[in-house]
Protein backbone atom coordinates (compact mmCIF):
# COMPACT_ATOMS: atom_id res chain seq x y z
CA MET A 1 63.31 98.05 14.55
CA THR A 2 64.29 94.61 13.49
CA ILE A 3 64.89 91.51 15.63
CA GLU A 4 68.62 91.13 14.99
CA ILE A 5 70.82 87.57 16.03
CA LYS A 6 74.01 86.99 15.80
CA PRO A 7 75.60 83.59 16.47
CA LEU A 8 78.24 83.76 19.49
CA ALA A 9 80.03 80.40 18.49
CA GLY A 10 79.24 77.23 15.89
CA ASN A 11 77.96 75.36 18.71
CA LEU A 12 76.56 77.58 20.89
CA GLY A 13 74.91 80.72 21.77
CA ALA A 14 73.33 83.92 19.93
CA GLU A 15 73.44 87.61 20.98
CA ILE A 16 70.21 89.95 20.15
CA PHE A 17 69.39 93.03 19.06
CA GLY A 18 66.49 95.27 18.54
CA ALA A 19 64.10 92.69 20.88
CA ASP A 20 62.25 94.27 23.54
CA VAL A 21 61.22 91.64 26.27
CA THR A 22 58.18 93.68 27.83
CA ASN A 23 56.78 93.42 23.89
CA PRO A 24 54.74 89.91 23.95
CA ASP A 25 55.11 90.44 19.95
CA HIS A 26 58.48 89.69 20.52
CA PHE A 27 58.58 86.52 22.72
CA GLN A 28 58.15 83.95 19.58
CA THR A 29 61.61 85.00 17.70
CA LEU A 30 63.35 84.95 21.25
CA LEU A 31 61.67 81.05 22.03
CA ASP A 32 62.54 80.08 19.13
CA ALA A 33 66.56 81.55 18.80
CA PHE A 34 66.60 80.25 22.84
CA SER A 35 65.50 76.58 21.44
CA ASP A 36 68.17 77.08 18.28
CA HIS A 37 71.06 78.43 20.36
CA GLY A 38 70.49 77.01 24.03
CA VAL A 39 71.86 80.39 25.36
CA ILE A 40 70.43 84.01 24.32
CA ALA A 41 72.37 87.07 25.37
CA ILE A 42 69.44 90.11 24.31
CA ARG A 43 71.58 93.09 24.33
CA ASP A 44 69.82 96.80 25.44
CA GLN A 45 67.41 95.94 27.51
CA ASP A 46 65.70 98.10 30.29
CA ILE A 47 63.54 96.16 33.07
CA THR A 48 61.99 96.54 36.16
CA PRO A 49 61.74 93.89 38.58
CA GLU A 50 58.10 93.51 37.82
CA GLN A 51 58.68 92.88 34.18
CA GLN A 52 61.95 90.41 34.52
CA ILE A 53 58.80 88.14 36.36
CA GLU A 54 56.63 89.00 34.02
CA PHE A 55 58.81 88.09 31.13
CA ALA A 56 60.16 84.60 33.17
CA GLU A 57 56.41 83.95 33.24
CA ARG A 58 55.78 83.19 29.78
CA PHE A 59 58.80 80.22 29.65
CA GLY A 60 56.90 78.67 32.73
CA PRO A 61 56.25 78.79 36.69
CA ILE A 62 58.94 80.84 38.14
CA ASN A 63 61.21 78.89 41.32
CA VAL A 64 61.99 80.62 44.05
CA ASN A 65 65.32 79.61 44.90
CA ARG A 66 66.34 77.87 48.60
CA PHE A 67 69.76 79.44 49.08
CA PHE A 68 70.13 82.38 47.36
CA ALA A 69 69.28 85.98 48.98
CA HIS A 70 66.50 87.79 47.40
CA LEU A 71 65.52 91.42 46.15
CA PRO A 72 63.24 92.84 48.85
CA ASP A 73 59.50 92.44 47.93
CA HIS A 74 61.04 89.65 44.85
CA PRO A 75 61.54 86.49 46.31
CA GLU A 76 61.27 85.14 42.61
CA ILE A 77 64.17 87.06 42.18
CA ALA A 78 67.64 86.24 43.17
CA LEU A 79 70.55 88.86 43.99
CA VAL A 80 73.53 87.94 42.43
CA LEU A 81 76.02 89.97 44.12
CA LYS A 82 80.25 90.26 44.47
CA GLU A 83 80.72 93.31 46.75
CA PRO A 84 84.48 95.43 45.37
CA ASP A 85 86.08 93.52 48.85
CA GLN A 86 84.95 89.98 48.12
CA THR A 87 87.03 87.15 47.26
CA GLN A 88 84.68 84.56 46.38
CA ALA A 89 81.76 84.98 43.23
CA ILE A 90 78.59 82.63 43.03
CA GLY A 91 79.03 79.73 40.44
CA GLU A 92 82.79 79.28 39.47
CA ARG A 93 82.55 76.36 39.04
CA TRP A 94 80.89 74.26 35.88
CA HIS A 95 77.24 73.28 36.61
CA THR A 96 73.39 73.51 35.96
CA ASP A 97 71.05 74.93 37.86
CA HIS A 98 68.91 73.15 40.04
CA SER A 99 69.52 69.49 38.88
CA TYR A 100 69.64 68.33 42.51
CA ASP A 101 65.43 69.15 42.17
CA GLU A 102 63.21 66.23 41.38
CA VAL A 103 62.01 68.32 38.53
CA PRO A 104 64.80 70.07 37.47
CA ALA A 105 64.90 74.07 35.67
CA ARG A 106 64.26 74.74 32.62
CA CYS A 107 65.75 77.50 31.98
CA SER A 108 67.66 80.57 33.98
CA MET A 109 67.72 83.99 33.37
CA LEU A 110 70.06 86.68 34.97
CA TYR A 111 69.63 90.65 34.19
CA ALA A 112 72.96 92.79 34.09
CA ILE A 113 72.66 95.80 36.68
CA GLU A 114 76.09 96.81 36.96
CA THR A 115 79.43 95.41 35.89
CA PRO A 116 83.02 95.93 36.20
CA GLU A 117 84.38 97.10 32.94
CA ALA A 118 86.33 94.40 31.77
CA GLY A 119 86.03 90.75 33.11
CA GLY A 120 82.72 88.84 35.03
CA ASP A 121 82.00 87.35 31.78
CA THR A 122 80.46 83.82 31.89
CA MET A 123 81.48 80.78 29.95
CA PHE A 124 78.75 78.17 28.56
CA ALA A 125 79.36 74.33 27.02
CA SER A 126 76.85 72.73 25.01
CA MET A 127 75.94 69.16 26.24
CA CYS A 128 74.45 68.40 23.12
CA ALA A 129 77.35 69.39 21.00
CA ALA A 130 79.21 67.31 23.86
CA PHE A 131 77.38 64.16 23.69
CA GLU A 132 77.33 64.13 19.77
CA GLY A 133 81.14 64.33 20.06
CA LEU A 134 81.41 60.63 21.53
CA SER A 135 81.91 57.81 20.30
CA ASP A 136 78.98 55.87 19.27
CA GLY A 137 80.39 53.29 22.23
CA MET A 138 80.28 55.64 25.03
CA LYS A 139 76.88 57.35 23.38
CA ASP A 140 74.76 54.04 23.73
CA THR A 141 76.94 53.23 27.47
CA LEU A 142 75.36 56.42 28.97
CA ARG A 143 72.04 56.64 26.85
CA SER A 144 71.19 53.16 29.47
CA MET A 145 72.69 55.43 32.51
CA LYS A 146 70.95 56.87 35.66
CA ALA A 147 73.00 59.43 37.30
CA TRP A 148 72.68 61.01 41.13
CA HIS A 149 73.02 64.45 41.87
CA SER A 150 72.46 66.47 45.41
CA SER A 151 72.70 69.47 46.81
CA ARG A 152 74.26 68.88 50.32
CA HIS A 153 77.58 69.35 49.45
CA ILE A 154 77.33 72.90 47.46
CA PHE A 155 74.95 74.34 49.45
CA GLY A 156 74.81 72.24 52.88
CA GLU A 157 76.14 72.71 55.99
CA VAL A 158 79.52 71.56 55.08
CA ARG A 159 80.10 74.97 52.94
CA LYS A 160 79.25 77.44 55.87
CA THR A 161 82.50 79.00 56.05
CA THR A 162 82.73 79.66 52.61
CA ASP A 163 82.96 83.16 51.60
CA THR A 164 79.23 83.50 49.49
CA ALA A 165 77.73 81.89 52.50
CA LYS A 166 79.36 84.17 55.77
CA THR A 167 78.66 87.46 53.58
CA GLY A 168 74.97 86.30 53.04
CA ARG A 169 74.66 85.62 49.50
CA ILE A 170 74.34 81.76 49.74
CA GLY A 171 72.21 80.40 52.99
CA ASN A 172 69.48 78.34 54.50
CA SER A 173 72.26 75.28 54.42
CA GLU A 174 69.72 73.33 56.47
CA LEU A 175 67.85 73.23 53.49
CA ALA A 176 70.43 71.11 51.52
CA THR A 177 68.53 68.02 51.76
CA GLN A 178 67.88 67.06 48.06
CA ASP A 179 68.86 64.13 47.02
CA ASN A 180 67.95 63.07 43.02
CA LEU A 181 68.10 60.39 40.28
CA HIS A 182 68.15 61.00 36.75
CA PRO A 183 69.14 59.82 33.26
CA ALA A 184 72.50 60.63 32.20
CA VAL A 185 71.81 61.44 28.49
CA ILE A 186 68.07 62.98 27.91
CA ARG A 187 66.09 64.13 25.23
CA HIS A 188 65.54 67.74 25.09
CA PRO A 189 61.40 68.52 25.33
CA LEU A 190 61.95 71.66 22.58
CA SER A 191 65.32 70.41 19.98
CA GLY A 192 64.65 66.81 19.87
CA ARG A 193 68.33 66.41 20.44
CA GLU A 194 70.19 64.17 22.96
CA SER A 195 71.96 66.08 25.77
CA LEU A 196 74.25 64.54 28.32
CA TYR A 197 72.51 65.32 31.55
CA VAL A 198 75.67 65.08 34.22
CA ASN A 199 77.65 68.42 35.97
CA PRO A 200 80.45 68.81 38.24
CA ASP A 201 79.22 70.78 40.44
CA PHE A 202 75.82 68.75 41.95
CA THR A 203 76.75 65.34 40.28
CA VAL A 204 77.74 63.18 42.76
CA SER A 205 77.54 59.20 41.26
CA PHE A 206 76.26 56.96 38.50
CA ASP A 207 73.78 55.03 40.00
CA THR A 208 74.77 51.07 40.46
CA TRP A 209 78.31 52.39 40.45
CA ASN A 210 80.91 52.75 42.88
CA LYS A 211 82.81 55.72 43.76
CA GLU A 212 86.01 55.29 42.13
CA GLU A 213 84.28 54.07 39.01
CA SER A 214 81.86 57.11 38.45
CA ASP A 215 84.57 59.34 39.58
CA ALA A 216 86.36 58.00 36.57
CA LEU A 217 84.12 58.50 33.89
CA LEU A 218 82.68 61.57 35.43
CA ALA A 219 86.21 63.15 35.01
CA TYR A 220 86.37 61.94 31.29
CA LEU A 221 83.05 63.62 30.34
CA TYR A 222 83.76 66.88 32.53
CA LYS A 223 86.96 66.80 30.37
CA HIS A 224 85.52 65.99 27.61
CA ALA A 225 82.45 68.96 27.24
CA VAL A 226 84.27 71.77 27.95
CA GLN A 227 86.79 71.89 24.75
CA PRO A 228 86.37 74.76 23.18
CA GLU A 229 84.31 74.23 20.00
CA TYR A 230 81.39 73.64 22.41
CA THR A 231 81.64 76.52 24.24
CA CYS A 232 80.59 79.98 24.02
CA ARG A 233 81.03 83.73 26.41
CA VAL A 234 78.59 86.16 26.86
CA ARG A 235 80.27 89.57 27.94
CA TRP A 236 78.13 91.15 30.55
CA VAL A 237 76.95 94.61 30.01
CA PRO A 238 74.48 96.74 32.15
CA GLY A 239 70.79 96.16 30.49
CA THR A 240 71.92 92.94 28.80
CA LEU A 241 69.44 89.96 29.86
CA THR A 242 71.24 86.57 29.29
CA ILE A 243 68.54 83.48 29.18
CA TRP A 244 70.36 79.31 29.23
CA ASP A 245 68.77 76.28 28.86
CA ASN A 246 69.72 74.15 32.16
CA LEU A 247 68.63 70.83 30.02
CA ALA A 248 70.95 71.58 27.23
CA THR A 249 74.16 73.57 29.11
CA TRP A 250 76.48 74.39 31.22
CA HIS A 251 77.46 78.12 32.70
CA LYS A 252 80.51 79.15 35.04
CA ALA A 253 81.01 82.59 36.30
CA ILE A 254 84.17 83.90 35.44
CA ASN A 255 85.97 85.36 38.76
CA ASP A 256 88.36 88.36 37.53
CA TYR A 257 87.41 91.41 38.73
CA ALA A 258 88.88 91.71 41.77
CA GLY A 259 88.43 95.46 43.42
CA HIS A 260 85.57 95.87 41.04
CA ARG A 261 81.20 95.08 42.02
CA ARG A 262 79.12 93.31 39.41
CA ARG A 263 75.32 93.21 40.31
CA MET A 264 72.85 90.75 38.37
CA HIS A 265 68.97 89.94 39.01
CA ARG A 266 68.04 85.87 38.18
CA ILE A 267 65.21 84.01 37.83
CA THR A 268 65.05 80.26 37.51
CA VAL A 269 62.28 78.74 35.34
CA ASP A 270 60.67 75.46 36.87
CA GLY A 271 60.95 72.42 34.02
CA MET A 272 59.12 69.27 33.69
CA PRO A 273 59.99 65.35 34.52
CA LEU A 274 63.30 65.09 32.45
CA ALA A 275 62.57 62.50 29.43
CA ALA A 276 65.41 59.72 28.93
CA SER A 277 67.08 58.90 25.76
CA ARG A 278 66.36 55.87 24.20
CA GLN A 279 67.97 52.93 25.62
CA ALA A 280 70.66 51.24 24.32
CA ALA A 281 69.98 48.54 21.33
């Protein structure tokens, strides 16, 4: 069967049909599509946890998540689950996975096991396109900046009263001790494009800037980066395996399926130290 790649939007995302993630001969085509589109939704897969792990390891070492509940006997696979009576979904705010780590995650992949008939989509935004849409002056300013990222305010003690924590989907709040400084603009290791590297969930401030200054600029960037022309949307059906590039995108879960069950298996792949973009002239 021929592999067919259909773009989801002008700046980001593609659906892939006719591929088999268990076939090593298909991997280079999938990797090229991942590099080109930032988000790929591979349709019509039927894989076991072991096969998902084997496929993920082709991208790099697996990061065992500190905070998510995981499959029994498969700590590499985080369980992304929302039961019909639960009110809060995991990942409802725009974010980039693991930006709080010293070496952030390269990519994440989510495999749909059970989905509502409608709702429960995931939105994505291109940080390469968003950066390219800024003025030259703003680009030069950001190229010379760094920003602090932290896990504490999202997964730490202060979050123990949330629905996701009380239902056991998120835990280990005592492990939320990560604070790391990253370039505000990075050079992507695959595409070579410049990418904005801040996000609403985990970025807390710009280095050497005070809170008022940081909050103002971050608010502007967050509003700019989610303009419709920079985004795409993946509609889930069972058997879809979606992979997204954490160095080039944000994502968020849409919580619009109250009373329905949604079950996904997520693997996150380790990355490499971030390379800053060129310095301002």
